[in-house]
Amino acid sequence: QKRNLTLNEAVQLSLTHSERIKLGNAKVDEASAKLHEAKDNRLPELGLTGGYLRVNSPKVDLKVKTAATQQQAGAGTATSSLKVDQVSYGLLNASVPLFSGLRISQGIKAANYLHKASELDAKFDSTDVIEATMEAYSNVYKAGEALKLVQENLKRGEARINDFANLEKNGVIARNDLLKVQLQQSNVELTMLDAENNFKLATITLNLLLGLKEDTELQLDSNWFKPVKSDPGYLAWENLALTNRADLQALDYRGKAAESGVKAARGEYYPSLALTGGYVAMYIPNVLTVTNAVNVGLGVKYSISSFWKTGAKIDQAKAQVAQLDASQNLLNDQIRLQMGHDYQNFLSMRKKIEVYGKAVEQAMENYRIVKNKHDNNLSTTTDLLDADVAQLQSRIDFTFARADAMIAYEKLRKTAGVITQ
């Protein structure tokens, strides 16, 4: 199977196939559910309770006399004890929170901040996946270009062997020169085997990363591997990183969530106020029947023990805020250090392209001169073969330098937090 594959298509496939992205999305869904749960705390609490009880034969003495018992008492007849052997009841209770010491509102804020932090974590995970995809894409390109150059050199070597074989047959050159050419051809064949192996392994790695079949032949877009000329400067890159890094923003939201946790912990010093209501129904045979007993009122709940228990919770929440502040400062320093390293590496790779470009011109010209000298018996076969190896190596180095410079640039964009743009 053959497939034309641009870098953008490769990135989209890797983001779709990546288990790490799926894990991050699952965490986002979990944070979203927790946010929904926090908001549900504002809704009314509604409970229904019912029961049916069988009891023994208790002695019941009603203080409130019914009309029948009063008539019996007026007639001088003794009141018989009531027979009660079962009780049925039902309770419907509703409670709407009016004030809870800001615990509900701060809980919603904290859950919202954590939800945003989880989204940013997923975004930061995607930058790692994109970077890995670009490196795998670049490795396939480099391996393929190296294989092409070695195959080209191998064809040139075959033609050289034929020429040297004819010259040796006519007694123009010594057999030793022919053996040297044949030996170098064998070395080039071994190099081609390594190049083929590297190309196949790089292709398999990229296919697995994208969720494609391992034997898929990929036709890459070489236009992506062009020299990068734009460079806003180190300070501009650093400002981008401190502004756009998803992991830094996620820490900031977690810090805000921790601050909301401190306020929620302080809310335990205050009482809770709720609007309550309910409905009661009860049936006791031969004794009592209650229906349409509706009640509405205000309920207050206050824990006196909060005076000596809440302080520890507040200290714990403050400690979490301090930890996140320290982590954020530490990450700031790490970003600056990483940006400095990546920026210098980017500048170095750009310079290497220039150097290797000149080296290719020099090696090609050197090979042309040495070949002309060899054709005129002014240089040795060893000089010719050395010049041929030098020009092949310079072309491979130049191809690799262009690909590595693009990876260095994308690494710089990843550190700056803009690789997803």
Protein backbone atom coordinates (compact mmCIF):
# COMPACT_ATOMS: atom_id res chain seq x y z
CA GLN A 1 0.00 0.00 0.00
CA LYS A 2 1.21 3.47 -0.88
CA ARG A 3 0.01 6.68 0.67
CA ASN A 4 0.87 10.33 0.17
CA LEU A 5 1.24 11.87 3.60
CA THR A 6 1.67 15.52 4.48
CA LEU A 7 2.87 16.57 7.90
CA ASN A 8 -0.52 18.01 8.86
CA GLU A 9 -2.20 14.72 7.99
CA ALA A 10 0.38 12.84 10.04
CA VAL A 11 -0.24 15.09 13.04
CA GLN A 12 -4.01 14.65 12.82
CA LEU A 13 -3.67 10.87 12.56
CA SER A 14 -1.35 10.72 15.56
CA LEU A 15 -3.64 12.88 17.67
CA THR A 16 -6.57 10.64 16.78
CA HIS A 17 -4.70 7.41 17.42
CA SER A 18 -2.69 8.41 20.51
CA GLU A 19 -3.69 6.62 23.72
CA ARG A 20 -2.15 9.48 25.66
CA ILE A 21 -4.59 11.91 24.07
CA LYS A 22 -7.47 9.55 24.84
CA LEU A 23 -6.33 9.40 28.47
CA GLY A 24 -6.17 13.19 28.64
CA ASN A 25 -9.66 13.50 27.18
CA ALA A 26 -10.97 11.02 29.74
CA LYS A 27 -9.49 13.17 32.51
CA VAL A 28 -11.20 16.22 31.01
CA ASP A 29 -14.52 14.33 31.05
CA GLU A 30 -13.92 13.41 34.70
CA ALA A 31 -13.22 17.04 35.62
CA SER A 32 -16.35 18.10 33.73
CA ALA A 33 -18.43 15.61 35.70
CA LYS A 34 -16.97 16.93 38.97
CA LEU A 35 -17.87 20.46 37.93
CA HIS A 36 -21.42 19.33 37.21
CA GLU A 37 -21.51 17.64 40.63
CA ALA A 38 -20.36 20.85 42.34
CA LYS A 39 -23.10 22.84 40.61
CA ASP A 40 -25.69 20.25 41.65
CA ASN A 41 -25.02 21.17 45.30
CA ARG A 42 -27.10 24.31 44.68
CA LEU A 43 -30.17 22.21 43.84
CA PRO A 44 -32.81 21.24 46.42
CA GLU A 45 -32.40 18.12 48.50
CA LEU A 46 -35.51 15.95 48.25
CA GLY A 47 -36.05 12.82 50.31
CA LEU A 48 -38.87 10.36 50.72
CA THR A 49 -39.20 8.10 53.75
CA GLY A 50 -41.88 5.55 54.44
CA GLY A 51 -42.44 2.59 56.71
CA TYR A 52 -44.82 -0.09 57.87
CA LEU A 53 -44.35 -1.48 61.39
CA ARG A 54 -45.92 -4.40 63.21
CA VAL A 55 -45.96 -3.89 66.97
CA ASN A 56 -47.09 -5.78 70.06
CA SER A 57 -50.18 -4.83 72.03
CA PRO A 58 -49.13 -1.69 73.86
CA LYS A 59 -51.29 0.09 76.39
CA VAL A 60 -52.49 3.31 74.79
CA ASP A 61 -53.94 6.09 76.94
CA LEU A 62 -55.03 9.02 74.84
CA LYS A 63 -54.86 12.32 76.68
CA VAL A 64 -57.09 13.80 74.04
CA LYS A 65 -60.39 12.00 74.38
CA THR A 66 -62.57 11.24 71.42
CA ALA A 67 -66.37 11.78 71.42
CA ALA A 68 -66.99 8.09 71.92
CA THR A 69 -64.79 7.82 74.97
CA GLN A 70 -66.33 10.97 76.45
CA GLN A 71 -69.83 9.50 76.08
CA GLN A 72 -68.68 6.30 77.72
CA ALA A 73 -67.14 8.27 80.56
CA GLY A 74 -70.38 10.31 81.02
CA ALA A 75 -72.41 7.12 81.19
CA GLY A 76 -70.06 5.83 83.86
CA THR A 77 -68.61 3.13 81.66
CA ALA A 78 -64.87 2.36 81.97
CA THR A 79 -62.72 3.13 78.95
CA SER A 80 -61.31 0.04 77.30
CA SER A 81 -57.69 0.12 76.17
CA LEU A 82 -57.16 0.66 72.45
CA LYS A 83 -55.75 -2.14 70.32
CA VAL A 84 -52.70 -0.97 68.31
CA ASP A 85 -50.73 -3.61 66.39
CA GLN A 86 -49.49 -1.75 63.26
CA VAL A 87 -48.26 1.69 62.17
CA SER A 88 -47.85 3.16 58.66
CA TYR A 89 -46.20 6.49 57.89
CA GLY A 90 -44.68 8.49 55.04
CA LEU A 91 -42.44 11.59 55.06
CA LEU A 92 -41.49 13.82 52.13
CA ASN A 93 -38.76 16.35 52.97
CA ALA A 94 -37.29 19.12 50.80
CA SER A 95 -34.43 21.49 51.58
CA VAL A 96 -33.07 24.35 49.45
CA PRO A 97 -29.68 25.76 50.58
CA LEU A 98 -29.74 29.52 51.09
CA PHE A 99 -26.34 30.07 52.70
CA SER A 100 -23.58 27.59 53.37
CA GLY A 101 -20.66 29.77 54.37
CA LEU A 102 -19.67 30.14 50.66
CA ARG A 103 -18.68 26.47 50.58
CA ILE A 104 -20.93 25.71 47.60
CA SER A 105 -19.94 28.75 45.51
CA GLN A 106 -16.23 28.29 46.21
CA GLY A 107 -16.53 24.59 45.47
CA ILE A 108 -18.00 25.43 42.07
CA LYS A 109 -15.16 27.89 41.38
CA ALA A 110 -12.55 25.32 42.37
CA ALA A 111 -14.13 22.64 40.17
CA ASN A 112 -14.30 25.08 37.26
CA TYR A 113 -10.60 25.95 37.64
CA LEU A 114 -9.65 22.28 37.81
CA HIS A 115 -11.72 21.59 34.71
CA LYS A 116 -9.81 24.28 32.80
CA ALA A 117 -6.54 22.90 34.14
CA SER A 118 -7.39 19.41 32.88
CA GLU A 119 -8.15 20.86 29.42
CA LEU A 120 -4.76 22.57 29.41
CA ASP A 121 -3.09 19.33 30.52
CA ALA A 122 -4.66 17.59 27.53
CA LYS A 123 -3.44 20.40 25.28
CA PHE A 124 0.09 20.07 26.66
CA ASP A 125 -0.01 16.30 26.11
CA SER A 126 -0.93 16.97 22.49
CA THR A 127 2.25 19.04 22.06
CA ASP A 128 4.35 16.01 23.05
CA VAL A 129 2.45 13.86 20.56
CA ILE A 130 2.92 16.45 17.80
CA GLU A 131 6.64 16.71 18.52
CA ALA A 132 7.06 12.93 18.45
CA THR A 133 5.15 12.78 15.15
CA MET A 134 7.37 15.43 13.59
CA GLU A 135 10.51 13.63 14.70
CA ALA A 136 9.24 10.33 13.29
CA TYR A 137 8.24 12.09 10.06
CA SER A 138 11.71 13.65 9.84
CA ASN A 139 13.42 10.31 10.49
CA VAL A 140 11.57 8.70 7.58
CA TYR A 141 12.53 11.62 5.34
CA LYS A 142 16.20 11.47 6.34
CA ALA A 143 16.38 7.71 5.95
CA GLY A 144 14.70 7.90 2.53
CA GLU A 145 16.97 10.67 1.27
CA ALA A 146 20.06 8.85 2.53
CA LEU A 147 18.92 5.72 0.73
CA LYS A 148 18.45 7.66 -2.52
CA LEU A 149 21.92 9.19 -2.29
CA VAL A 150 23.55 5.83 -1.57
CA GLN A 151 21.68 4.21 -4.47
CA GLU A 152 22.82 7.02 -6.75
CA ASN A 153 26.40 6.54 -5.59
CA LEU A 154 26.07 2.81 -6.09
CA LYS A 155 25.06 3.28 -9.74
CA ARG A 156 27.98 5.62 -10.27
CA GLY A 157 30.26 3.03 -8.70
CA GLU A 158 29.00 0.32 -11.04
CA ALA A 159 29.82 2.50 -14.01
CA ARG A 160 33.26 3.17 -12.52
CA ILE A 161 33.91 -0.56 -12.12
CA ASN A 162 33.06 -1.16 -15.77
CA ASP A 163 35.42 1.61 -16.85
CA PHE A 164 38.24 0.34 -14.62
CA ALA A 165 37.68 -3.25 -15.78
CA ASN A 166 38.12 -2.17 -19.42
CA LEU A 167 41.20 -0.12 -18.54
CA GLU A 168 42.71 -3.03 -16.62
CA LYS A 169 41.94 -5.42 -19.51
CA ASN A 170 43.78 -3.09 -21.89
CA GLY A 171 46.69 -2.78 -19.49
CA VAL A 172 46.16 0.92 -18.83
CA ILE A 173 45.83 0.53 -15.06
CA ALA A 174 47.08 -2.02 -12.57
CA ARG A 175 44.76 -4.69 -11.24
CA ASN A 176 45.25 -3.25 -7.78
CA ASP A 177 43.34 -0.11 -8.82
CA LEU A 178 40.42 -2.23 -10.02
CA LEU A 179 40.38 -4.10 -6.71
CA LYS A 180 40.26 -0.80 -4.82
CA VAL A 181 37.23 0.30 -6.82
CA GLN A 182 35.51 -3.03 -6.29
CA LEU A 183 36.25 -2.92 -2.56
CA GLN A 184 34.70 0.51 -2.25
CA GLN A 185 31.66 -0.72 -4.17
CA SER A 186 31.26 -3.51 -1.63
CA ASN A 187 31.41 -0.98 1.18
CA VAL A 188 28.76 1.12 -0.55
CA GLU A 189 26.55 -1.95 -0.89
CA LEU A 190 26.88 -2.56 2.85
CA THR A 191 26.03 1.08 3.47
CA MET A 192 22.94 0.71 1.29
CA LEU A 193 21.82 -2.32 3.32
CA ASP A 194 22.06 -0.25 6.48
CA ALA A 195 20.22 2.61 4.78
CA GLU A 196 17.41 0.29 3.67
CA ASN A 197 17.13 -1.15 7.16
CA ASN A 198 17.00 2.32 8.72
CA PHE A 199 14.35 3.42 6.24
CA LYS A 200 12.15 0.41 6.92
CA LEU A 201 12.45 0.78 10.70
CA ALA A 202 11.68 4.51 10.53
CA THR A 203 8.65 3.82 8.32
CA ILE A 204 7.33 1.14 10.68
CA THR A 205 7.75 3.49 13.64
CA LEU A 206 5.82 6.27 11.92
CA ASN A 207 3.07 3.91 10.73
CA LEU A 208 2.55 2.55 14.24
CA LEU A 209 2.47 6.07 15.62
CA LEU A 210 -0.23 7.02 13.12
CA GLY A 211 -2.26 3.84 13.47
CA LEU A 212 -1.47 2.66 9.93
CA LYS A 213 -0.42 -0.79 8.78
CA GLU A 214 3.28 -1.41 9.27
CA ASP A 215 3.89 -2.19 5.58
CA THR A 216 2.31 1.04 4.29
CA GLU A 217 4.68 2.86 1.94
CA LEU A 218 4.67 6.57 2.68
CA GLN A 219 5.30 9.36 0.19
CA LEU A 220 6.30 12.35 2.30
CA ASP A 221 6.05 16.03 1.50
CA SER A 222 9.61 17.30 1.12
CA ASN A 223 8.43 20.93 0.94
CA TRP A 224 8.21 20.98 4.73
CA PHE A 225 11.98 20.62 5.02
CA LYS A 226 12.85 24.14 3.98
CA PRO A 227 15.23 26.48 5.79
CA VAL A 228 13.53 28.69 8.36
CA LYS A 229 14.50 32.33 7.96
CA SER A 230 12.18 34.11 10.42
CA ASP A 231 13.50 34.53 13.94
CA PRO A 232 11.94 37.13 16.27
CA GLY A 233 14.77 36.75 18.79
CA TYR A 234 15.28 35.03 22.13
CA LEU A 235 13.29 37.49 24.25
CA ALA A 236 10.29 37.20 21.94
CA TRP A 237 10.43 33.40 22.16
CA GLU A 238 10.70 33.57 25.95
CA ASN A 239 7.68 35.89 26.21
CA LEU A 240 5.71 33.51 24.00
CA ALA A 241 6.59 30.62 26.29
CA LEU A 242 5.61 32.44 29.48
CA THR A 243 2.33 33.48 27.85
CA ASN A 244 1.28 30.39 25.89
CA ARG A 245 2.63 27.36 27.76
CA ALA A 246 -0.36 25.16 28.60
CA ASP A 247 1.34 23.48 31.58
CA LEU A 248 2.12 26.88 33.13
CA GLN A 249 -1.47 28.02 32.64
CA ALA A 250 -2.73 24.76 34.13
CA LEU A 251 -0.65 25.38 37.26
CA ASP A 252 -2.11 28.88 37.51
CA TYR A 253 -5.65 27.49 37.43
CA ARG A 254 -4.77 24.89 40.04
CA GLY A 255 -3.44 27.70 42.22
CA LYS A 256 -6.76 29.53 41.87
CA ALA A 257 -8.60 26.34 42.75
CA ALA A 258 -6.47 26.00 45.88
CA GLU A 259 -7.29 29.60 46.87
CA SER A 260 -10.97 28.77 46.50
CA GLY A 261 -10.32 25.78 48.74
CA VAL A 262 -9.00 28.12 51.44
CA LYS A 263 -12.17 30.22 51.26
CA ALA A 264 -14.33 27.12 51.35
CA ALA A 265 -12.49 25.87 54.44
CA ARG A 266 -13.06 29.21 56.19
CA GLY A 267 -16.75 28.89 55.38
CA GLU A 268 -17.04 26.11 57.94
CA TYR A 269 -16.89 28.77 60.66
CA TYR A 270 -20.33 29.95 59.54
CA PRO A 271 -23.73 28.28 59.98
CA SER A 272 -25.73 26.81 57.13
CA LEU A 273 -29.17 28.18 56.35
CA ALA A 274 -31.75 26.36 54.24
CA LEU A 275 -35.39 26.70 53.27
CA THR A 276 -37.18 23.52 54.35
CA GLY A 277 -40.52 21.99 53.61
CA GLY A 278 -42.24 18.66 53.89
CA TYR A 279 -45.33 16.52 53.87
CA VAL A 280 -46.31 13.97 56.55
CA ALA A 281 -48.85 11.17 56.37
CA MET A 282 -49.53 8.63 59.15
CA TYR A 283 -52.04 5.89 59.79
CA ILE A 284 -52.46 4.00 63.07
CA PRO A 285 -55.56 1.77 62.98
CA ASN A 286 -58.13 2.52 65.67
CA VAL A 287 -56.01 5.43 66.92
CA LEU A 288 -54.84 8.05 64.45
CA THR A 289 -54.93 9.12 60.79
CA VAL A 290 -52.88 12.13 59.63
CA THR A 291 -53.08 13.55 56.09
CA ASN A 292 -52.30 16.88 54.41
CA ALA A 293 -49.72 17.76 57.06
CA VAL A 294 -47.59 20.23 55.09
CA ASN A 295 -44.81 22.23 56.73
CA VAL A 296 -42.58 25.07 55.50
CA GLY A 297 -39.83 26.84 57.41
CA LEU A 298 -36.16 27.73 57.81
CA GLY A 299 -33.50 25.34 58.98
CA VAL A 300 -30.22 26.35 60.61
CA LYS A 301 -27.28 24.02 61.13
CA TYR A 302 -24.15 24.95 62.98
CA SER A 303 -21.29 22.79 64.19
CA ILE A 304 -19.73 24.13 67.37
CA SER A 305 -16.72 21.83 66.89
CA SER A 306 -15.77 23.86 63.80
CA PHE A 307 -14.09 26.32 66.18
CA TRP A 308 -11.26 23.86 66.91
CA LYS A 309 -11.41 21.66 63.77
CA THR A 310 -11.55 24.18 60.92
CA GLY A 311 -8.17 25.78 61.60
CA ALA A 312 -6.28 22.66 60.53
CA LYS A 313 -8.27 22.45 57.29
CA ILE A 314 -7.45 26.09 56.51
CA ASP A 315 -3.75 25.50 57.17
CA GLN A 316 -3.82 22.48 54.90
CA ALA A 317 -5.46 24.48 52.10
CA LYS A 318 -2.93 27.31 52.54
CA ALA A 319 -0.06 24.82 52.34
CA GLN A 320 -1.45 23.55 49.04
CA VAL A 321 -1.53 27.12 47.71
CA ALA A 322 2.10 27.59 48.76
CA GLN A 323 3.12 24.35 47.04
CA LEU A 324 1.47 25.39 43.79
CA ASP A 325 3.08 28.84 43.94
CA ALA A 326 6.50 27.23 44.37
CA SER A 327 5.80 24.77 41.55
CA GLN A 328 4.80 27.63 39.27
CA ASN A 329 8.00 29.56 40.03
CA LEU A 330 10.05 26.42 39.48
CA LEU A 331 8.36 25.77 36.14
CA ASN A 332 9.04 29.37 35.11
CA ASP A 333 12.75 28.82 35.68
CA GLN A 334 12.67 25.50 33.84
CA ILE A 335 10.93 27.09 30.85
CA ARG A 336 13.54 29.85 30.65
CA LEU A 337 16.37 27.33 30.85
CA GLN A 338 14.76 25.05 28.27
CA MET A 339 14.08 28.01 25.98
CA GLY A 340 17.71 29.08 26.16
CA HIS A 341 18.89 25.57 25.30
CA ASP A 342 16.44 25.12 22.41
CA TYR A 343 17.11 28.57 20.98
CA GLN A 344 20.87 28.05 20.92
CA ASN A 345 20.35 24.64 19.34
CA PHE A 346 18.14 26.24 16.68
CA LEU A 347 20.79 28.85 15.86
CA SER A 348 23.43 26.14 15.70
CA MET A 349 21.37 24.03 13.30
CA ARG A 350 20.80 27.04 11.02
CA LYS A 351 24.53 27.67 10.95
CA LYS A 352 25.21 24.02 10.18
CA ILE A 353 23.00 24.24 7.09
CA GLU A 354 25.22 27.02 5.76
CA VAL A 355 28.39 25.12 6.57
CA TYR A 356 27.17 21.85 5.09
CA GLY A 357 25.89 23.67 2.02
CA LYS A 358 29.37 25.04 1.37
CA ALA A 359 30.83 21.63 2.12
CA VAL A 360 28.65 20.07 -0.59
CA GLU A 361 29.85 22.60 -3.15
CA GLN A 362 33.47 22.05 -2.11
CA ALA A 363 33.18 18.27 -2.13
CA MET A 364 31.50 18.20 -5.55
CA GLU A 365 34.12 20.52 -7.02
CA ASN A 366 36.90 18.51 -5.39
CA TYR A 367 35.52 15.30 -6.88
CA ARG A 368 35.32 16.91 -10.33
CA ILE A 369 38.94 18.11 -10.14
CA VAL A 370 40.27 14.82 -8.80
CA LYS A 371 38.37 12.87 -11.46
CA ASN A 372 39.84 15.05 -14.21
CA LYS A 373 43.30 14.54 -12.76
CA HIS A 374 42.72 10.81 -12.51
CA ASP A 375 41.54 10.65 -16.11
CA ASN A 376 44.81 12.35 -17.05
CA ASN A 377 46.88 10.10 -14.77
CA LEU A 378 47.68 13.01 -12.42
CA SER A 379 46.07 11.54 -9.28
CA THR A 380 45.74 8.09 -7.77
CA THR A 381 42.72 5.86 -7.57
CA THR A 382 42.75 6.27 -3.80
CA ASP A 383 42.40 10.04 -4.20
CA LEU A 384 39.45 9.53 -6.52
CA LEU A 385 37.69 7.13 -4.17
CA ASP A 386 38.29 9.40 -1.16
CA ALA A 387 36.82 12.34 -3.07
CA ASP A 388 33.79 10.23 -4.01
CA VAL A 389 33.18 9.24 -0.38
CA ALA A 390 33.59 12.86 0.73
CA GLN A 391 31.00 14.16 -1.71
CA LEU A 392 28.51 11.45 -0.74
CA GLN A 393 28.96 12.13 2.96
CA SER A 394 28.65 15.90 2.49
CA ARG A 395 25.34 15.50 0.63
CA ILE A 396 23.99 13.21 3.35
CA ASP A 397 25.12 15.64 6.06
CA PHE A 398 23.45 18.54 4.26
CA THR A 399 20.16 16.65 3.90
CA PHE A 400 20.20 15.65 7.57
CA ALA A 401 21.06 19.21 8.64
CA ARG A 402 18.00 20.61 6.83
CA ALA A 403 15.71 18.08 8.50
CA ASP A 404 17.32 18.56 11.91
CA ALA A 405 16.98 22.35 11.60
CA MET A 406 13.23 22.00 11.05
CA ILE A 407 12.94 19.72 14.07
CA ALA A 408 14.95 22.22 16.13
CA TYR A 409 12.58 24.98 15.02
CA GLU A 410 9.51 22.93 15.91
CA LYS A 411 11.09 22.03 19.24
CA LEU A 412 11.50 25.75 19.85
CA ARG A 413 7.84 26.32 18.98
CA LYS A 414 6.83 23.50 21.33
CA THR A 415 8.82 25.04 24.18
CA ALA A 416 7.15 28.37 23.40
CA GLY A 417 3.73 26.69 23.56
CA VAL A 418 2.71 27.53 19.96
CA ILE A 419 3.39 24.24 18.17
CA THR A 420 -0.37 23.48 18.05
CA GLN A 421 -1.06 26.67 16.10
